[in-house]
Protein backbone atom coordinates (compact mmCIF):
# COMPACT_ATOMS: atom_id res chain seq x y z
CA MET A 1 -6.44 17.14 6.98
CA ALA A 2 -6.82 14.35 9.53
CA ASP A 3 -6.69 15.04 13.26
CA THR A 4 -4.42 12.86 15.37
CA GLN A 5 -4.44 11.88 19.02
CA PHE A 6 -3.41 9.16 21.46
CA VAL A 7 -5.78 7.01 23.49
CA SER A 8 -4.83 4.96 26.55
CA THR A 9 -5.45 1.21 26.47
CA SER A 10 -4.28 -1.89 28.32
CA LEU A 11 -1.70 -2.37 25.52
CA GLY A 12 -0.34 1.14 25.90
CA ARG A 13 -1.23 4.34 24.11
CA LEU A 14 -2.60 3.85 20.61
CA HIS A 15 -2.17 6.56 18.00
CA VAL A 16 -5.28 7.32 15.94
CA ARG A 17 -6.05 9.53 12.95
CA ARG A 18 -9.55 10.89 12.44
CA GLY A 19 -11.03 12.45 9.31
CA GLY A 20 -14.24 12.82 7.34
CA ALA A 21 -17.83 12.94 8.55
CA GLY A 22 -20.76 10.57 8.91
CA PRO A 23 -21.12 7.12 10.50
CA THR A 24 -17.88 5.81 11.97
CA ALA A 25 -15.55 3.47 10.09
CA VAL A 26 -12.54 2.07 11.96
CA LEU A 27 -9.43 1.01 10.06
CA TRP A 28 -6.83 -1.37 11.56
CA HIS A 29 -3.83 -2.18 9.39
CA SER A 30 -1.73 -5.27 8.65
CA LEU A 31 1.13 -6.55 10.76
CA PHE A 32 4.50 -4.86 9.98
CA VAL A 33 3.03 -1.58 8.67
CA ASP A 34 1.00 1.27 10.18
CA SER A 35 -2.10 3.35 9.55
CA ARG A 36 -0.37 5.22 6.72
CA SER A 37 -0.73 2.04 4.66
CA TRP A 38 -4.40 2.92 4.10
CA GLY A 39 -3.33 5.79 1.87
CA ALA A 40 -6.07 6.59 -0.66
CA VAL A 41 -8.54 4.25 1.09
CA PHE A 42 -8.64 6.65 4.05
CA ASP A 43 -9.23 9.63 1.77
CA ALA A 44 -11.89 7.92 -0.35
CA LEU A 45 -13.78 6.62 2.67
CA ALA A 46 -13.63 9.99 4.44
CA GLY A 47 -16.06 11.33 1.85
CA HIS A 48 -18.74 9.05 3.32
CA ARG A 49 -17.65 8.19 6.88
CA THR A 50 -15.92 9.52 9.94
CA VAL A 51 -12.75 7.48 9.54
CA ILE A 52 -10.70 6.37 12.54
CA ALA A 53 -7.36 4.81 11.56
CA ILE A 54 -5.57 3.09 14.43
CA ASP A 55 -1.87 2.32 14.71
CA GLY A 56 -1.87 -1.14 16.28
CA PRO A 57 0.24 -1.94 19.37
CA SER A 58 3.99 -1.77 18.63
CA HIS A 59 3.29 -0.16 15.26
CA GLY A 60 3.50 3.38 13.92
CA LYS A 61 3.33 6.01 16.65
CA SER A 62 1.62 3.71 19.15
CA ASP A 63 3.50 2.53 22.22
CA PRO A 64 5.69 -0.55 21.84
CA VAL A 65 4.57 -3.58 23.82
CA THR A 66 7.60 -5.18 25.46
CA ARG A 67 6.09 -8.63 25.96
CA ASP A 68 4.15 -11.11 23.89
CA PHE A 69 0.43 -10.35 23.69
CA THR A 70 -2.71 -11.98 22.33
CA PHE A 71 -5.46 -11.34 19.81
CA ASP A 72 -7.96 -11.16 22.64
CA GLU A 73 -5.89 -8.37 24.18
CA CYS A 74 -5.93 -6.53 20.85
CA THR A 75 -9.70 -6.86 20.73
CA HIS A 76 -10.00 -5.47 24.25
CA ALA A 77 -7.65 -2.60 23.37
CA ALA A 78 -9.76 -1.78 20.31
CA VAL A 79 -12.88 -1.51 22.48
CA GLU A 80 -10.97 0.64 24.98
CA ALA A 81 -9.89 2.93 22.14
CA LEU A 82 -13.46 3.32 20.91
CA ASP A 83 -14.62 4.08 24.44
CA ARG A 84 -11.88 6.68 24.95
CA LEU A 85 -12.89 8.31 21.67
CA GLY A 86 -16.51 8.46 22.80
CA ILE A 87 -17.69 6.11 20.06
CA ASP A 88 -20.54 4.01 21.41
CA GLU A 89 -22.50 3.36 18.22
CA PRO A 90 -21.75 0.30 16.06
CA VAL A 91 -18.93 0.94 13.59
CA ASP A 92 -17.98 -0.22 10.12
CA TRP A 93 -14.81 -2.18 10.88
CA VAL A 94 -12.29 -2.41 8.04
CA GLY A 95 -9.29 -4.62 8.74
CA ASN A 96 -6.29 -5.46 6.59
CA ALA A 97 -4.79 -8.88 7.45
CA TRP A 98 -4.07 -8.46 11.20
CA GLY A 99 -6.78 -5.82 11.41
CA GLY A 100 -9.23 -8.29 9.92
CA HIS A 101 -8.40 -10.83 12.61
CA VAL A 102 -9.13 -8.24 15.29
CA GLY A 103 -12.37 -7.37 13.49
CA ILE A 104 -13.50 -10.99 13.29
CA LEU A 105 -13.01 -11.42 17.02
CA LEU A 106 -14.79 -8.15 17.76
CA ALA A 107 -17.75 -9.04 15.57
CA ALA A 108 -18.01 -12.51 17.12
CA THR A 109 -17.64 -11.50 20.77
CA ARG A 110 -18.94 -7.92 20.90
CA PRO A 111 -21.60 -7.82 18.20
CA ARG A 112 -23.19 -4.56 19.33
CA ARG A 113 -19.93 -2.70 18.53
CA ILE A 114 -19.81 -3.80 14.88
CA ARG A 115 -22.28 -2.58 12.24
CA THR A 116 -20.42 -4.13 9.30
CA LEU A 117 -17.18 -6.05 8.92
CA THR A 118 -14.82 -5.84 5.95
CA THR A 119 -11.62 -7.87 5.89
CA ILE A 120 -8.88 -7.50 3.29
CA GLY A 121 -6.34 -10.29 2.85
CA THR A 122 -7.21 -11.85 6.20
CA PRO A 123 -6.58 -15.61 6.38
CA VAL A 124 -8.97 -17.42 8.72
CA PRO A 125 -6.88 -20.57 9.44
CA ALA A 126 -3.96 -20.62 11.84
CA LEU A 127 -0.51 -20.17 10.37
CA GLY A 128 0.30 -23.31 8.39
CA PRO A 129 3.44 -25.37 9.11
CA ARG A 130 5.03 -24.83 5.69
CA PHE A 131 4.71 -21.04 5.86
CA ARG A 132 5.74 -21.06 9.53
CA TRP A 133 9.03 -22.87 8.98
CA THR A 134 10.00 -21.58 5.52
CA LYS A 135 9.04 -17.90 5.88
CA ALA A 136 7.63 -16.76 9.22
CA TRP A 137 10.14 -18.31 11.60
CA PRO A 138 13.23 -17.32 9.54
CA LEU A 139 11.83 -13.78 9.29
CA VAL A 140 11.48 -13.53 13.07
CA VAL A 141 14.95 -14.96 13.71
CA LEU A 142 16.64 -12.68 11.18
CA TYR A 143 14.81 -9.65 12.55
CA ARG A 144 15.80 -10.53 16.12
CA LEU A 145 19.45 -10.87 15.10
CA ALA A 146 19.86 -8.01 12.64
CA GLY A 147 16.78 -5.80 12.66
CA PRO A 148 15.11 -4.36 9.53
CA THR A 149 17.92 -4.95 7.06
CA SER A 150 17.60 -4.11 3.37
CA PHE A 151 17.21 -7.82 2.67
CA LEU A 152 14.29 -8.18 5.09
CA CYS A 153 12.62 -4.99 3.86
CA SER A 154 12.89 -6.21 0.27
CA ALA A 155 11.45 -9.61 1.19
CA LEU A 156 8.61 -7.96 3.09
CA SER A 157 7.87 -5.67 0.15
CA SER A 158 7.59 -8.70 -2.14
CA ASN A 159 5.25 -10.50 0.25
CA LEU A 160 3.04 -7.60 1.30
CA LEU A 161 2.96 -5.53 -1.88
CA GLY A 162 4.26 -7.42 -4.89
CA PRO A 163 5.82 -5.91 -8.03
CA GLU A 164 2.65 -4.36 -9.48
CA ALA A 165 1.89 -2.25 -6.41
CA VAL A 166 5.52 -1.13 -6.10
CA ALA A 167 5.69 -0.20 -9.79
CA THR A 168 2.41 1.70 -9.95
CA GLN A 169 2.53 3.36 -6.50
CA PRO A 170 6.24 3.67 -5.64
CA ASP A 171 5.86 6.55 -3.18
CA GLN A 172 3.09 4.87 -1.19
CA ALA A 173 4.95 1.54 -1.34
CA ALA A 174 7.98 3.25 0.21
CA ILE A 175 5.79 4.67 3.00
CA VAL A 176 4.37 1.21 3.71
CA ILE A 177 7.79 -0.43 4.09
CA ASP A 178 9.23 2.56 5.96
CA ALA A 179 6.81 1.77 8.80
CA PHE A 180 8.58 -1.58 9.31
CA ARG A 181 12.01 -0.02 8.98
CA MET A 182 11.29 2.67 11.59
CA ALA A 183 9.36 0.54 14.12
CA ASP A 184 10.60 0.04 17.67
CA ARG A 185 12.66 -3.11 17.30
CA ARG A 186 11.77 -4.80 20.58
CA GLY A 187 8.08 -3.98 20.21
CA MET A 188 7.95 -5.20 16.61
CA LEU A 189 9.67 -8.46 17.56
CA HIS A 190 7.01 -9.18 20.18
CA ALA A 191 4.27 -8.28 17.69
CA MET A 192 5.72 -10.61 15.04
CA ARG A 193 5.95 -13.49 17.51
CA SER A 194 2.50 -12.89 18.97
CA MET A 195 0.44 -11.98 15.92
CA MET A 196 2.17 -14.12 13.28
CA LEU A 197 3.77 -17.19 14.87
CA HIS A 198 0.96 -17.59 17.43
CA ARG A 199 -1.93 -16.70 15.13
CA PRO A 200 -4.89 -18.96 15.99
CA SER A 201 -7.56 -20.31 13.68
CA LEU A 202 -10.68 -18.17 13.71
CA ALA A 203 -12.83 -20.61 11.74
CA ASP A 204 -14.94 -21.50 14.76
CA ARG A 205 -15.77 -17.81 15.33
CA LEU A 206 -17.27 -17.14 11.90
CA GLN A 207 -20.67 -18.68 12.59
CA ASP A 208 -21.15 -16.25 15.50
CA ILE A 209 -20.83 -13.14 13.33
CA VAL A 210 -24.22 -11.62 12.52
CA ALA A 211 -23.00 -8.31 11.10
CA PRO A 212 -22.98 -8.00 7.29
CA THR A 213 -19.51 -9.16 6.31
CA LEU A 214 -17.38 -8.73 3.20
CA MET A 215 -14.16 -10.70 2.79
CA LEU A 216 -11.89 -9.22 0.11
CA ALA A 217 -9.12 -11.43 -1.26
CA ALA A 218 -6.31 -10.39 -3.60
CA ARG A 219 -6.72 -11.79 -7.08
CA ASP A 220 -3.22 -13.28 -7.31
CA ASP A 221 -2.60 -14.21 -3.67
CA ASP A 222 -2.45 -17.94 -4.32
CA GLU A 223 -0.41 -18.76 -1.22
CA GLY A 224 -1.73 -16.55 1.57
CA TRP A 225 -5.51 -16.08 1.22
CA PRO A 226 -6.81 -16.90 -2.26
CA PRO A 227 -10.36 -15.92 -3.28
CA ARG A 228 -11.57 -19.52 -3.20
CA GLU A 229 -10.73 -19.78 0.51
CA ALA A 230 -12.51 -16.51 1.25
CA GLU A 231 -15.60 -17.85 -0.54
CA ALA A 232 -15.46 -21.06 1.49
CA ALA A 233 -15.19 -19.12 4.75
CA CYS A 234 -18.15 -16.90 3.84
CA ALA A 235 -20.25 -19.99 3.12
CA THR A 236 -20.06 -20.86 6.83
CA MET A 237 -21.41 -17.47 7.92
CA PRO A 238 -25.01 -16.25 8.14
CA ASN A 239 -24.53 -12.93 6.30
CA ALA A 240 -21.28 -12.81 4.37
CA ARG A 241 -19.90 -12.69 0.85
CA ALA A 242 -16.47 -12.66 -0.75
CA ALA A 243 -15.09 -10.47 -3.52
CA VAL A 244 -11.83 -10.13 -5.42
CA VAL A 245 -9.51 -7.12 -5.42
CA ALA A 246 -6.31 -6.46 -7.34
CA GLY A 247 -2.86 -7.47 -6.17
CA THR A 248 -0.73 -10.30 -4.90
CA GLY A 249 0.25 -9.45 -1.32
CA ARG A 250 -1.85 -8.67 1.74
CA VAL A 251 -1.38 -4.90 1.54
CA ALA A 252 -1.28 -4.55 -2.27
CA PRO A 253 -5.06 -4.03 -2.68
CA LEU A 254 -4.88 -0.84 -0.61
CA LEU A 255 -2.59 0.65 -3.24
CA LEU A 256 -4.21 -0.85 -6.33
CA ASP A 257 -7.94 -0.87 -5.54
CA ALA A 258 -8.51 1.92 -3.02
CA ASP A 259 -11.70 3.26 -4.60
CA LEU A 260 -13.21 -0.22 -4.94
CA ILE A 261 -12.46 -1.00 -1.30
CA ALA A 262 -13.95 2.27 -0.05
CA GLY A 263 -17.00 1.86 -2.27
CA SER A 264 -17.53 -1.70 -1.07
CA VAL A 265 -17.48 -0.57 2.58
CA VAL A 266 -20.07 2.10 1.86
CA GLU A 267 -22.29 -0.30 -0.11
CA LEU A 268 -22.22 -2.80 2.74
CA ALA A 269 -24.10 -0.35 4.97
CA PRO A 270 -25.45 2.56 2.90
CA ILE A 271 -26.60 5.67 4.72
CA ALA A 272 -30.39 5.89 4.69
């Protein structure tokens, strides 16, 4: 059973779950969902690590942020959370989509805090114009006007999870989408604007990352972050490699390849 607590940061109180034993691994989830999205990954990793799963600002049980905020602020809040938890040693950072962006910035700007970096479905470029105007912007507008309607939840399920994950893990898929449905509406709107529409390119940060890095890309994610783009990004880094996991959407691998993800994190920095 995981322990839960709240830690104070400059982006409000963040809710964290802690379980397992050993070196510390920190999990930060994708936009729209919360720390429950880690599901079996949390449990599998807890057999080898002390696992800290953070609900990002405006997500899960964390405080809603009632203004737009930046990735740099998220990075600072992550460091504040680690400090409040008394974690000073370098951690294995595991980030899904948004969480990977925060991890990249942490590894590039605060290298002593990161022992290893694993990203899952984390695009490095800024949001492209086609995706911005055909999907992201309409999603934000519809959410602002009507909230988490059945139509939006269904569209989000298709984009984040895909049919295979929903069919094989229906209960966990429902938990993932429920996080979006139950989120504070004003806080989620600011998070969507800030973390999706204003997402910057992180390509120029990659060369500064010295921690061993693994970029996991979903096998069938041809539009968002295909494996070939992950391989190209890793080629610009001093100590990085890419690998393929199952699924189509950004969150799908957590449901379909939990053991592989947990094992890959452990292999990246085995305990001596």
